[in-house]
Amino acid sequence: PVAFEVALAPLGATGTLADRVRAHYVGMHAHATSARDG
């Protein structure tokens, strides 16, 4: 999450460290429920 703060903060990202930790699991939920393939 520190590396992603460095990458995303210049774009105006407002998330905290805890948000970026949670972001992985939110992302995996989206991954699980995605209608896309491969």
PDB file of all heavy atoms in Angstrom:
ATOM      1  N   PRO A   1       0.806  -1.221   0.000  1.00  0.00           N
ATOM      2  CA  PRO A   1       0.000   0.000   0.000  1.00  0.00           C
ATOM      3  C   PRO A   1       0.838   1.269   0.000  1.00  0.00           C
ATOM      4  O   PRO A   1       0.371   2.324  -0.432  1.00  0.00           O
ATOM      5  CB  PRO A   1      -0.828  -0.120   1.282  1.00  0.00           C
ATOM      6  CG  PRO A   1      -0.037  -1.025   2.170  1.00  0.00           C
ATOM      7  CD  PRO A   1       0.650  -1.984   1.256  1.00  0.00           C
ATOM      8  N   VAL A   2       2.086   1.186   0.456  1.00  0.00           N
ATOM      9  CA  VAL A   2       2.970   2.354   0.426  1.00  0.00           C
ATOM     10  C   VAL A   2       3.386   2.651  -1.014  1.00  0.00           C
ATOM     11  O   VAL A   2       3.373   3.800  -1.468  1.00  0.00           O
ATOM     12  CB  VAL A   2       4.205   2.132   1.316  1.00  0.00           C
ATOM     13  CG1 VAL A   2       5.153   3.310   1.226  1.00  0.00           C
ATOM     14  CG2 VAL A   2       3.778   1.885   2.765  1.00  0.00           C
ATOM     15  N   ALA A   3       3.726   1.607  -1.757  1.00  0.00           N
ATOM     16  CA  ALA A   3       4.093   1.791  -3.161  1.00  0.00           C
ATOM     17  C   ALA A   3       2.935   2.378  -3.954  1.00  0.00           C
ATOM     18  O   ALA A   3       3.127   3.245  -4.823  1.00  0.00           O
ATOM     19  CB  ALA A   3       4.525   0.458  -3.769  1.00  0.00           C
ATOM     20  N   PHE A   4       1.719   1.938  -3.641  1.00  0.00           N
ATOM     21  CA  PHE A   4       0.567   2.452  -4.378  1.00  0.00           C
ATOM     22  C   PHE A   4       0.196   3.866  -3.940  1.00  0.00           C
ATOM     23  O   PHE A   4      -0.356   4.632  -4.724  1.00  0.00           O
ATOM     24  CB  PHE A   4      -0.618   1.487  -4.268  1.00  0.00           C
ATOM     25  CG  PHE A   4      -0.478   0.319  -5.199  1.00  0.00           C
ATOM     26  CD1 PHE A   4      -0.025  -0.903  -4.739  1.00  0.00           C
ATOM     27  CD2 PHE A   4      -0.744   0.462  -6.544  1.00  0.00           C
ATOM     28  CE1 PHE A   4       0.142  -1.966  -5.603  1.00  0.00           C
ATOM     29  CE2 PHE A   4      -0.587  -0.598  -7.430  1.00  0.00           C
ATOM     30  CZ  PHE A   4      -0.137  -1.814  -6.953  1.00  0.00           C
ATOM     31  N   GLU A   5       0.525   4.225  -2.716  1.00  0.00           N
ATOM     32  CA  GLU A   5       0.334   5.622  -2.316  1.00  0.00           C
ATOM     33  C   GLU A   5       1.247   6.528  -3.146  1.00  0.00           C
ATOM     34  O   GLU A   5       0.815   7.570  -3.645  1.00  0.00           O
ATOM     35  CB  GLU A   5       0.637   5.813  -0.836  1.00  0.00           C
ATOM     36  CG  GLU A   5       0.471   7.273  -0.405  1.00  0.00           C
ATOM     37  CD  GLU A   5       0.833   7.503   1.047  1.00  0.00           C
ATOM     38  OE1 GLU A   5       1.607   6.715   1.611  1.00  0.00           O
ATOM     39  OE2 GLU A   5       0.342   8.490   1.614  1.00  0.00           O
ATOM     40  N   VAL A   6       2.491   6.121  -3.301  1.00  0.00           N
ATOM     41  CA  VAL A   6       3.437   6.905  -4.100  1.00  0.00           C
ATOM     42  C   VAL A   6       2.934   7.041  -5.536  1.00  0.00           C
ATOM     43  O   VAL A   6       3.036   8.110  -6.156  1.00  0.00           O
ATOM     44  CB  VAL A   6       4.827   6.248  -4.070  1.00  0.00           C
ATOM     45  CG1 VAL A   6       5.777   6.949  -5.034  1.00  0.00           C
ATOM     46  CG2 VAL A   6       5.398   6.275  -2.657  1.00  0.00           C
ATOM     47  N   ALA A   7       2.365   5.957  -6.075  1.00  0.00           N
ATOM     48  CA  ALA A   7       1.901   5.964  -7.466  1.00  0.00           C
ATOM     49  C   ALA A   7       0.624   6.766  -7.653  1.00  0.00           C
ATOM     50  O   ALA A   7       0.451   7.441  -8.681  1.00  0.00           O
ATOM     51  CB  ALA A   7       1.684   4.529  -7.936  1.00  0.00           C
ATOM     52  N   LEU A   8      -0.275   6.724  -6.667  1.00  0.00           N
ATOM     53  CA  LEU A   8      -1.608   7.281  -6.865  1.00  0.00           C
ATOM     54  C   LEU A   8      -1.840   8.644  -6.225  1.00  0.00           C
ATOM     55  O   LEU A   8      -2.728   9.387  -6.658  1.00  0.00           O
ATOM     56  CB  LEU A   8      -2.660   6.288  -6.327  1.00  0.00           C
ATOM     57  CG  LEU A   8      -2.644   4.896  -6.974  1.00  0.00           C
ATOM     58  CD1 LEU A   8      -3.682   4.004  -6.311  1.00  0.00           C
ATOM     59  CD2 LEU A   8      -2.887   4.973  -8.478  1.00  0.00           C
ATOM     60  N   ALA A   9      -1.059   9.004  -5.219  1.00  0.00           N
ATOM     61  CA  ALA A   9      -1.246  10.297  -4.551  1.00  0.00           C
ATOM     62  C   ALA A   9      -1.140  11.477  -5.513  1.00  0.00           C
ATOM     63  O   ALA A   9      -1.929  12.430  -5.403  1.00  0.00           O
ATOM     64  CB  ALA A   9      -0.255  10.447  -3.400  1.00  0.00           C
ATOM     65  N   PRO A  10      -0.214  11.468  -6.489  1.00  0.00           N
ATOM     66  CA  PRO A  10      -0.144  12.602  -7.413  1.00  0.00           C
ATOM     67  C   PRO A  10      -1.406  12.784  -8.261  1.00  0.00           C
ATOM     68  O   PRO A  10      -1.608  13.849  -8.858  1.00  0.00           O
ATOM     69  CB  PRO A  10       1.062  12.259  -8.306  1.00  0.00           C
ATOM     70  CG  PRO A  10       1.896  11.350  -7.467  1.00  0.00           C
ATOM     71  CD  PRO A  10       0.915  10.537  -6.688  1.00  0.00           C
ATOM     72  N   LEU A  11      -2.255  11.751  -8.292  1.00  0.00           N
ATOM     73  CA  LEU A  11      -3.499  11.829  -9.059  1.00  0.00           C
ATOM     74  C   LEU A  11      -4.658  12.280  -8.191  1.00  0.00           C
ATOM     75  O   LEU A  11      -5.803  12.279  -8.637  1.00  0.00           O
ATOM     76  CB  LEU A  11      -3.812  10.463  -9.677  1.00  0.00           C
ATOM     77  CG  LEU A  11      -2.696   9.850 -10.531  1.00  0.00           C
ATOM     78  CD1 LEU A  11      -3.123   8.497 -11.071  1.00  0.00           C
ATOM     79  CD2 LEU A  11      -2.321  10.786 -11.669  1.00  0.00           C
ATOM     80  N   GLY A  12      -4.364  12.628  -6.951  1.00  0.00           N
ATOM     81  CA  GLY A  12      -5.410  13.103  -6.054  1.00  0.00           C
ATOM     82  C   GLY A  12      -6.081  12.029  -5.240  1.00  0.00           C
ATOM     83  O   GLY A  12      -7.150  12.264  -4.664  1.00  0.00           O
ATOM     84  N   ALA A  13      -5.476  10.840  -5.168  1.00  0.00           N
ATOM     85  CA  ALA A  13      -6.055   9.762  -4.363  1.00  0.00           C
ATOM     86  C   ALA A  13      -6.141  10.184  -2.902  1.00  0.00           C
ATOM     87  O   ALA A  13      -5.169  10.680  -2.332  1.00  0.00           O
ATOM     88  CB  ALA A  13      -5.220   8.500  -4.494  1.00  0.00           C
ATOM     89  N   THR A  14      -7.296   9.969  -2.304  1.00  0.00           N
ATOM     90  CA  THR A  14      -7.543  10.424  -0.936  1.00  0.00           C
ATOM     91  C   THR A  14      -7.503   9.290   0.085  1.00  0.00           C
ATOM     92  O   THR A  14      -7.648   9.535   1.278  1.00  0.00           O
ATOM     93  CB  THR A  14      -8.913  11.105  -0.849  1.00  0.00           C
ATOM     94  OG1 THR A  14      -9.930  10.177  -1.272  1.00  0.00           O
ATOM     95  CG2 THR A  14      -8.961  12.351  -1.737  1.00  0.00           C
ATOM     96  N   GLY A  15      -7.316   8.053  -0.370  1.00  0.00           N
ATOM     97  CA  GLY A  15      -7.387   6.910   0.528  1.00  0.00           C
ATOM     98  C   GLY A  15      -6.242   6.868   1.527  1.00  0.00           C
ATOM     99  O   GLY A  15      -5.130   7.316   1.257  1.00  0.00           O
ATOM    100  N   THR A  16      -6.544   6.320   2.687  1.00  0.00           N
ATOM    101  CA  THR A  16      -5.553   6.110   3.734  1.00  0.00           C
ATOM    102  C   THR A  16      -4.859   4.766   3.526  1.00  0.00           C
ATOM    103  O   THR A  16      -5.208   3.990   2.628  1.00  0.00           O
ATOM    104  CB  THR A  16      -6.217   6.105   5.108  1.00  0.00           C
ATOM    105  OG1 THR A  16      -7.123   4.975   5.169  1.00  0.00           O
ATOM    106  CG2 THR A  16      -6.999   7.390   5.344  1.00  0.00           C
ATOM    107  N   LEU A  17      -3.874   4.478   4.378  1.00  0.00           N
ATOM    108  CA  LEU A  17      -3.226   3.173   4.353  1.00  0.00           C
ATOM    109  C   LEU A  17      -4.266   2.071   4.509  1.00  0.00           C
ATOM    110  O   LEU A  17      -4.258   1.067   3.775  1.00  0.00           O
ATOM    111  CB  LEU A  17      -2.185   3.083   5.474  1.00  0.00           C
ATOM    112  CG  LEU A  17      -1.520   1.719   5.669  1.00  0.00           C
ATOM    113  CD1 LEU A  17      -0.653   1.366   4.473  1.00  0.00           C
ATOM    114  CD2 LEU A  17      -0.683   1.714   6.944  1.00  0.00           C
ATOM    115  N   ALA A  18      -5.185   2.238   5.452  1.00  0.00           N
ATOM    116  CA  ALA A  18      -6.222   1.231   5.674  1.00  0.00           C
ATOM    117  C   ALA A  18      -7.107   1.068   4.440  1.00  0.00           C
ATOM    118  O   ALA A  18      -7.540  -0.047   4.117  1.00  0.00           O
ATOM    119  CB  ALA A  18      -7.074   1.607   6.885  1.00  0.00           C
ATOM    120  N   ASP A  19      -7.380   2.154   3.746  1.00  0.00           N
ATOM    121  CA  ASP A  19      -8.184   2.076   2.522  1.00  0.00           C
ATOM    122  C   ASP A  19      -7.480   1.258   1.455  1.00  0.00           C
ATOM    123  O   ASP A  19      -8.102   0.470   0.735  1.00  0.00           O
ATOM    124  CB  ASP A  19      -8.473   3.473   1.972  1.00  0.00           C
ATOM    125  CG  ASP A  19      -9.412   4.282   2.845  1.00  0.00           C
ATOM    126  OD1 ASP A  19     -10.298   3.671   3.478  1.00  0.00           O
ATOM    127  OD2 ASP A  19      -9.252   5.516   2.899  1.00  0.00           O
ATOM    128  N   ARG A  20      -6.157   1.447   1.342  1.00  0.00           N
ATOM    129  CA  ARG A  20      -5.420   0.717   0.318  1.00  0.00           C
ATOM    130  C   ARG A  20      -5.265  -0.760   0.668  1.00  0.00           C
ATOM    131  O   ARG A  20      -5.175  -1.605  -0.222  1.00  0.00           O
ATOM    132  CB  ARG A  20      -4.062   1.386   0.070  1.00  0.00           C
ATOM    133  CG  ARG A  20      -4.198   2.757  -0.598  1.00  0.00           C
ATOM    134  CD  ARG A  20      -2.843   3.327  -0.988  1.00  0.00           C
ATOM    135  NE  ARG A  20      -1.972   3.520   0.154  1.00  0.00           N
ATOM    136  CZ  ARG A  20      -2.007   4.572   0.971  1.00  0.00           C
ATOM    137  NH1 ARG A  20      -2.899   5.540   0.771  1.00  0.00           N
ATOM    138  NH2 ARG A  20      -1.175   4.680   1.994  1.00  0.00           N
ATOM    139  N   VAL A  21      -5.247  -1.086   1.942  1.00  0.00           N
ATOM    140  CA  VAL A  21      -5.279  -2.487   2.345  1.00  0.00           C
ATOM    141  C   VAL A  21      -6.627  -3.087   1.973  1.00  0.00           C
ATOM    142  O   VAL A  21      -6.712  -4.162   1.363  1.00  0.00           O
ATOM    143  CB  VAL A  21      -5.008  -2.629   3.858  1.00  0.00           C
ATOM    144  CG1 VAL A  21      -5.325  -4.039   4.338  1.00  0.00           C
ATOM    145  CG2 VAL A  21      -3.557  -2.280   4.164  1.00  0.00           C
ATOM    146  N   ARG A  22      -7.690  -2.388   2.317  1.00  0.00           N
ATOM    147  CA  ARG A  22      -9.047  -2.868   1.994  1.00  0.00           C
ATOM    148  C   ARG A  22      -9.247  -2.961   0.488  1.00  0.00           C
ATOM    149  O   ARG A  22      -9.989  -3.827   0.002  1.00  0.00           O
ATOM    150  CB  ARG A  22     -10.077  -1.929   2.618  1.00  0.00           C
ATOM    151  CG  ARG A  22     -11.524  -2.383   2.437  1.00  0.00           C
ATOM    152  CD  ARG A  22     -12.482  -1.473   3.192  1.00  0.00           C
ATOM    153  NE  ARG A  22     -13.845  -1.938   3.104  1.00  0.00           N
ATOM    154  CZ  ARG A  22     -14.687  -1.605   2.121  1.00  0.00           C
ATOM    155  NH1 ARG A  22     -14.287  -0.780   1.159  1.00  0.00           N
ATOM    156  NH2 ARG A  22     -15.924  -2.077   2.105  1.00  0.00           N
ATOM    157  N   ALA A  23      -8.583  -2.073  -0.263  1.00  0.00           N
ATOM    158  CA  ALA A  23      -8.776  -2.023  -1.710  1.00  0.00           C
ATOM    159  C   ALA A  23      -8.473  -3.356  -2.379  1.00  0.00           C
ATOM    160  O   ALA A  23      -9.113  -3.723  -3.371  1.00  0.00           O
ATOM    161  CB  ALA A  23      -7.905  -0.921  -2.308  1.00  0.00           C
ATOM    162  N   HIS A  24      -7.498  -4.083  -1.845  1.00  0.00           N
ATOM    163  CA  HIS A  24      -7.193  -5.387  -2.443  1.00  0.00           C
ATOM    164  C   HIS A  24      -8.395  -6.314  -2.359  1.00  0.00           C
ATOM    165  O   HIS A  24      -8.752  -6.986  -3.344  1.00  0.00           O
ATOM    166  CB  HIS A  24      -5.991  -6.041  -1.767  1.00  0.00           C
ATOM    167  CG  HIS A  24      -5.847  -7.486  -2.155  1.00  0.00           C
ATOM    168  ND1 HIS A  24      -5.395  -7.877  -3.398  1.00  0.00           N
ATOM    169  CD2 HIS A  24      -6.153  -8.636  -1.479  1.00  0.00           C
ATOM    170  CE1 HIS A  24      -5.414  -9.202  -3.473  1.00  0.00           C
ATOM    171  NE2 HIS A  24      -5.862  -9.681  -2.324  1.00  0.00           N
ATOM    172  N   TYR A  25      -9.031  -6.376  -1.196  1.00  0.00           N
ATOM    173  CA  TYR A  25     -10.144  -7.301  -1.009  1.00  0.00           C
ATOM    174  C   TYR A  25     -11.381  -6.847  -1.785  1.00  0.00           C
ATOM    175  O   TYR A  25     -12.129  -7.690  -2.313  1.00  0.00           O
ATOM    176  CB  TYR A  25     -10.433  -7.460   0.481  1.00  0.00           C
ATOM    177  CG  TYR A  25      -9.270  -8.074   1.208  1.00  0.00           C
ATOM    178  CD1 TYR A  25      -8.364  -7.284   1.911  1.00  0.00           C
ATOM    179  CD2 TYR A  25      -9.033  -9.447   1.147  1.00  0.00           C
ATOM    180  CE1 TYR A  25      -7.269  -7.840   2.553  1.00  0.00           C
ATOM    181  CE2 TYR A  25      -7.939 -10.012   1.785  1.00  0.00           C
ATOM    182  CZ  TYR A  25      -7.061  -9.208   2.484  1.00  0.00           C
ATOM    183  OH  TYR A  25      -5.975  -9.755   3.098  1.00  0.00           O
ATOM    184  N   VAL A  26     -11.589  -5.542  -1.875  1.00  0.00           N
ATOM    185  CA  VAL A  26     -12.671  -5.036  -2.714  1.00  0.00           C
ATOM    186  C   VAL A  26     -12.398  -5.413  -4.165  1.00  0.00           C
ATOM    187  O   VAL A  26     -13.300  -5.823  -4.913  1.00  0.00           O
ATOM    188  CB  VAL A  26     -12.815  -3.507  -2.563  1.00  0.00           C
ATOM    189  CG1 VAL A  26     -13.874  -2.968  -3.520  1.00  0.00           C
ATOM    190  CG2 VAL A  26     -13.181  -3.146  -1.124  1.00  0.00           C
ATOM    191  N   GLY A  27     -11.134  -5.302  -4.559  1.00  0.00           N
ATOM    192  CA  GLY A  27     -10.749  -5.696  -5.902  1.00  0.00           C
ATOM    193  C   GLY A  27     -10.972  -7.179  -6.158  1.00  0.00           C
ATOM    194  O   GLY A  27     -11.447  -7.575  -7.231  1.00  0.00           O
ATOM    195  N   MET A  28     -10.651  -8.025  -5.185  1.00  0.00           N
ATOM    196  CA  MET A  28     -10.849  -9.465  -5.355  1.00  0.00           C
ATOM    197  C   MET A  28     -12.331  -9.823  -5.400  1.00  0.00           C
ATOM    198  O   MET A  28     -12.730 -10.780  -6.080  1.00  0.00           O
ATOM    199  CB  MET A  28     -10.143 -10.231  -4.242  1.00  0.00           C
ATOM    200  CG  MET A  28      -8.622 -10.204  -4.344  1.00  0.00           C
ATOM    201  SD  MET A  28      -7.975 -10.724  -5.964  1.00  0.00           S
ATOM    202  CE  MET A  28      -8.542 -12.426  -6.047  1.00  0.00           C
ATOM    203  N   HIS A  29     -13.154  -9.057  -4.693  1.00  0.00           N
ATOM    204  CA  HIS A  29     -14.599  -9.272  -4.782  1.00  0.00           C
ATOM    205  C   HIS A  29     -15.077  -8.931  -6.189  1.00  0.00           C
ATOM    206  O   HIS A  29     -15.887  -9.658  -6.792  1.00  0.00           O
ATOM    207  CB  HIS A  29     -15.322  -8.412  -3.746  1.00  0.00           C
ATOM    208  CG  HIS A  29     -16.814  -8.568  -3.767  1.00  0.00           C
ATOM    209  ND1 HIS A  29     -17.627  -7.735  -4.502  1.00  0.00           N
ATOM    210  CD2 HIS A  29     -17.633  -9.460  -3.151  1.00  0.00           C
ATOM    211  CE1 HIS A  29     -18.881  -8.106  -4.350  1.00  0.00           C
ATOM    212  NE2 HIS A  29     -18.911  -9.153  -3.528  1.00  0.00           N
ATOM    213  N   ALA A  30     -14.580  -7.829  -6.739  1.00  0.00           N
ATOM    214  CA  ALA A  30     -14.916  -7.466  -8.114  1.00  0.00           C
ATOM    215  C   ALA A  30     -14.412  -8.521  -9.094  1.00  0.00           C
ATOM    216  O   ALA A  30     -15.075  -8.850 -10.086  1.00  0.00           O
ATOM    217  CB  ALA A  30     -14.333  -6.095  -8.451  1.00  0.00           C
ATOM    218  N   HIS A  31     -13.238  -9.056  -8.826  1.00  0.00           N
ATOM    219  CA  HIS A  31     -12.650 -10.122  -9.629  1.00  0.00           C
ATOM    220  C   HIS A  31     -13.560 -11.354  -9.607  1.00  0.00           C
ATOM    221  O   HIS A  31     -13.820 -11.983 -10.643  1.00  0.00           O
ATOM    222  CB  HIS A  31     -11.267 -10.442  -9.049  1.00  0.00           C
ATOM    223  CG  HIS A  31     -10.488 -11.485  -9.761  1.00  0.00           C
ATOM    224  ND1 HIS A  31     -10.726 -12.827  -9.626  1.00  0.00           N
ATOM    225  CD2 HIS A  31      -9.430 -11.378 -10.617  1.00  0.00           C
ATOM    226  CE1 HIS A  31      -9.864 -13.520 -10.357  1.00  0.00           C
ATOM    227  NE2 HIS A  31      -9.060 -12.667 -10.973  1.00  0.00           N
ATOM    228  N   ALA A  32     -14.066 -11.703  -8.427  1.00  0.00           N
ATOM    229  CA  ALA A  32     -14.907 -12.891  -8.271  1.00  0.00           C
ATOM    230  C   ALA A  32     -16.244 -12.749  -8.977  1.00  0.00           C
ATOM    231  O   ALA A  32     -16.797 -13.732  -9.483  1.00  0.00           O
ATOM    232  CB  ALA A  32     -15.132 -13.179  -6.790  1.00  0.00           C
ATOM    233  N   THR A  33     -16.784 -11.543  -8.993  1.00  0.00           N
ATOM    234  CA  THR A  33     -18.124 -11.317  -9.541  1.00  0.00           C
ATOM    235  C   THR A  33     -18.098 -10.743 -10.956  1.00  0.00           C
ATOM    236  O   THR A  33     -19.143 -10.425 -11.507  1.00  0.00           O
ATOM    237  CB  THR A  33     -18.915 -10.373  -8.620  1.00  0.00           C
ATOM    238  OG1 THR A  33     -18.183  -9.145  -8.448  1.00  0.00           O
ATOM    239  CG2 THR A  33     -19.131 -11.014  -7.253  1.00  0.00           C
ATOM    240  N   SER A  34     -16.913 -10.638 -11.543  1.00  0.00           N
ATOM    241  CA  SER A  34     -16.769 -10.061 -12.880  1.00  0.00           C
ATOM    242  C   SER A  34     -17.453 -10.918 -13.939  1.00  0.00           C
ATOM    243  O   SER A  34     -17.450 -12.149 -13.872  1.00  0.00           O
ATOM    244  CB  SER A  34     -15.280  -9.913 -13.231  1.00  0.00           C
ATOM    245  OG  SER A  34     -15.119  -9.479 -14.566  1.00  0.00           O
ATOM    246  N   ALA A  35     -18.027 -10.239 -14.928  1.00  0.00           N
ATOM    247  CA  ALA A  35     -18.622 -10.936 -16.066  1.00  0.00           C
ATOM    248  C   ALA A  35     -17.602 -11.156 -17.178  1.00  0.00           C
ATOM    249  O   ALA A  35     -17.912 -11.754 -18.211  1.00  0.00           O
ATOM    250  CB  ALA A  35     -19.807 -10.144 -16.605  1.00  0.00           C
ATOM    251  N   ARG A  36     -16.386 -10.673 -16.979  1.00  0.00           N
ATOM    252  CA  ARG A  36     -15.340 -10.827 -17.990  1.00  0.00           C
ATOM    253  C   ARG A  36     -14.745 -12.228 -17.936  1.00  0.00           C
ATOM    254  O   ARG A  36     -14.966 -12.981 -16.990  1.00  0.00           O
ATOM    255  CB  ARG A  36     -14.234  -9.788 -17.772  1.00  0.00           C
ATOM    256  CG  ARG A  36     -14.692  -8.344 -17.797  1.00  0.00           C
ATOM    257  CD  ARG A  36     -13.512  -7.435 -17.507  1.00  0.00           C
ATOM    258  NE  ARG A  36     -13.907  -6.077 -17.203  1.00  0.00           N
ATOM    259  CZ  ARG A  36     -13.946  -5.093 -18.096  1.00  0.00           C
ATOM    260  NH1 ARG A  36     -13.632  -5.335 -19.357  1.00  0.00           N
ATOM    261  NH2 ARG A  36     -14.294  -3.866 -17.728  1.00  0.00           N
ATOM    262  N   ASP A  37     -13.951 -12.545 -18.941  1.00  0.00           N
ATOM    263  CA  ASP A  37     -13.298 -13.848 -19.014  1.00  0.00           C
ATOM    264  C   ASP A  37     -11.786 -13.690 -18.961  1.00  0.00           C
ATOM    265  O   ASP A  37     -11.238 -12.636 -19.296  1.00  0.00           O
ATOM    266  CB  ASP A  37     -13.677 -14.564 -20.320  1.00  0.00           C
ATOM    267  CG  ASP A  37     -15.156 -14.906 -20.393  1.00  0.00           C
ATOM    268  OD1 ASP A  37     -15.698 -15.342 -19.362  1.00  0.00           O
ATOM    269  OD2 ASP A  37     -15.754 -14.742 -21.474  1.00  0.00           O
ATOM    270  N   GLY A  38     -11.118 -14.796 -18.574  1.00  0.00           N
ATOM    271  CA  GLY A  38      -9.665 -14.833 -18.608  1.00  0.00           C
ATOM    272  C   GLY A  38      -9.022 -13.746 -17.779  1.00  0.00           C
ATOM    273  O   GLY A  38      -9.528 -13.328 -16.734  1.00  0.00           O
TER     274      GLY A  38
END
